[in-house]
Amino acid sequence: MPGIRFDVNQAHWRKSSWSQYNGNCVEISRLRPDRVGIRDTKDNGNGAVLVFTDAEWNAFLIAAKDGQFDKI
């Protein structure tokens, strides 16, 4: 999101309780009331953060639950 800044270091990052402890996980955080961030756990907070609007995030969750990504 060009021009929009998020303090990702202050965010409360979470990963699934189903995650293994081998570093092959992603973490999620609410960055603002209308934005969700996703990052790779193995980057130890130093890598890129993908930022989604609520509408984008909800569309992804619906598609994932519907199995639309099962054959990727």
C-alpha atoms as a PDB file:
ATOM      1  CA  MET A   1       0.000   0.000   0.000  1.00  0.00           C
ATOM      2  CA  PRO A   2       2.095   2.896  -1.247  1.00  0.00           C
ATOM      3  CA  GLY A   3       2.080   5.927   1.001  1.00  0.00           C
ATOM      4  CA  ILE A   4       0.515   4.151   3.991  1.00  0.00           C
ATOM      5  CA  ARG A   5       2.806   3.407   6.927  1.00  0.00           C
ATOM      6  CA  PHE A   6       2.289   0.733   9.555  1.00  0.00           C
ATOM      7  CA  ASP A   7       4.341   0.215  12.696  1.00  0.00           C
ATOM      8  CA  VAL A   8       4.787  -3.525  12.269  1.00  0.00           C
ATOM      9  CA  ASN A   9       7.270  -3.671  15.151  1.00  0.00           C
ATOM     10  CA  GLN A  10       4.557  -2.610  17.595  1.00  0.00           C
ATOM     11  CA  ALA A  11       1.983  -5.057  16.224  1.00  0.00           C
ATOM     12  CA  HIS A  12       0.929  -8.141  18.204  1.00  0.00           C
ATOM     13  CA  TRP A  13       1.875 -11.002  15.860  1.00  0.00           C
ATOM     14  CA  ARG A  14       0.231 -14.422  16.226  1.00  0.00           C
ATOM     15  CA  LYS A  15       0.685 -17.766  14.568  1.00  0.00           C
ATOM     16  CA  SER A  16      -1.573 -20.758  14.550  1.00  0.00           C
ATOM     17  CA  SER A  17      -1.505 -23.122  17.502  1.00  0.00           C
ATOM     18  CA  TRP A  18      -1.308 -25.852  14.834  1.00  0.00           C
ATOM     19  CA  SER A  19       2.063 -24.525  13.672  1.00  0.00           C
ATOM     20  CA  GLN A  20       5.191 -26.561  14.077  1.00  0.00           C
ATOM     21  CA  TYR A  21       8.245 -25.093  15.764  1.00  0.00           C
ATOM     22  CA  ASN A  22      10.409 -25.504  12.658  1.00  0.00           C
ATOM     23  CA  GLY A  23       9.951 -21.913  11.441  1.00  0.00           C
ATOM     24  CA  ASN A  24       7.806 -22.813   8.433  1.00  0.00           C
ATOM     25  CA  CYS A  25       4.844 -20.706   9.475  1.00  0.00           C
ATOM     26  CA  VAL A  26       3.235 -17.373   8.866  1.00  0.00           C
ATOM     27  CA  GLU A  27       2.127 -14.838  11.448  1.00  0.00           C
ATOM     28  CA  ILE A  28      -0.835 -12.502  11.303  1.00  0.00           C
ATOM     29  CA  SER A  29      -1.541  -9.199  12.998  1.00  0.00           C
ATOM     30  CA  ARG A  30      -4.176  -6.489  13.016  1.00  0.00           C
ATOM     31  CA  LEU A  31      -2.148  -3.440  11.937  1.00  0.00           C
ATOM     32  CA  ARG A  32      -5.003  -0.941  12.013  1.00  0.00           C
ATOM     33  CA  PRO A  33      -8.758  -1.338  12.410  1.00  0.00           C
ATOM     34  CA  ASP A  34      -9.039  -1.811   8.634  1.00  0.00           C
ATOM     35  CA  ARG A  35      -5.757  -3.614   7.794  1.00  0.00           C
ATOM     36  CA  VAL A  36      -4.339  -7.101   8.384  1.00  0.00           C
ATOM     37  CA  GLY A  37      -0.643  -7.965   8.029  1.00  0.00           C
ATOM     38  CA  ILE A  38       0.938 -11.326   7.204  1.00  0.00           C
ATOM     39  CA  ARG A  39       4.634 -12.184   7.541  1.00  0.00           C
ATOM     40  CA  ASP A  40       6.940 -15.202   7.378  1.00  0.00           C
ATOM     41  CA  THR A  41       7.957 -16.445  10.829  1.00  0.00           C
ATOM     42  CA  LYS A  42      11.430 -17.541   9.782  1.00  0.00           C
ATOM     43  CA  ASP A  43      12.364 -13.935   8.900  1.00  0.00           C
ATOM     44  CA  ASN A  44      12.306 -13.114  12.639  1.00  0.00           C
ATOM     45  CA  GLY A  45      10.423  -9.876  12.060  1.00  0.00           C
ATOM     46  CA  ASN A  46      12.917  -8.569   9.496  1.00  0.00           C
ATOM     47  CA  GLY A  47      11.190  -9.617   6.284  1.00  0.00           C
ATOM     48  CA  ALA A  48       8.427  -8.246   4.141  1.00  0.00           C
ATOM     49  CA  VAL A  49       4.893  -7.804   5.444  1.00  0.00           C
ATOM     50  CA  LEU A  50       1.922  -8.308   3.136  1.00  0.00           C
ATOM     51  CA  VAL A  51      -0.875  -5.887   4.011  1.00  0.00           C
ATOM     52  CA  PHE A  52      -4.524  -6.559   3.166  1.00  0.00           C
ATOM     53  CA  THR A  53      -7.706  -4.575   3.594  1.00  0.00           C
ATOM     54  CA  ASP A  54     -10.460  -6.250   5.583  1.00  0.00           C
ATOM     55  CA  ALA A  55     -12.370  -6.947   2.351  1.00  0.00           C
ATOM     56  CA  GLU A  56      -9.332  -8.618   0.761  1.00  0.00           C
ATOM     57  CA  TRP A  57      -8.582 -10.664   3.880  1.00  0.00           C
ATOM     58  CA  ASN A  58     -12.202 -11.798   4.252  1.00  0.00           C
ATOM     59  CA  ALA A  59     -12.352 -12.789   0.566  1.00  0.00           C
ATOM     60  CA  PHE A  60      -9.181 -14.873   1.043  1.00  0.00           C
ATOM     61  CA  LEU A  61     -10.561 -16.608   4.141  1.00  0.00           C
ATOM     62  CA  ILE A  62     -13.843 -17.438   2.408  1.00  0.00           C
ATOM     63  CA  ALA A  63     -12.004 -18.845  -0.623  1.00  0.00           C
ATOM     64  CA  ALA A  64      -9.628 -20.890   1.562  1.00  0.00           C
ATOM     65  CA  LYS A  65     -12.488 -22.350   3.597  1.00  0.00           C
ATOM     66  CA  ASP A  66     -14.308 -23.149   0.349  1.00  0.00           C
ATOM     67  CA  GLY A  67     -11.275 -25.152  -0.867  1.00  0.00           C
ATOM     68  CA  GLN A  68     -10.450 -22.877  -3.790  1.00  0.00           C
ATOM     69  CA  PHE A  69      -6.721 -23.157  -3.073  1.00  0.00           C
ATOM     70  CA  ASP A  70      -6.582 -26.895  -2.406  1.00  0.00           C
ATOM     71  CA  LYS A  71      -4.961 -27.731  -5.755  1.00  0.00           C
ATOM     72  CA  ILE A  72      -2.346 -24.969  -5.835  1.00  0.00           C
END
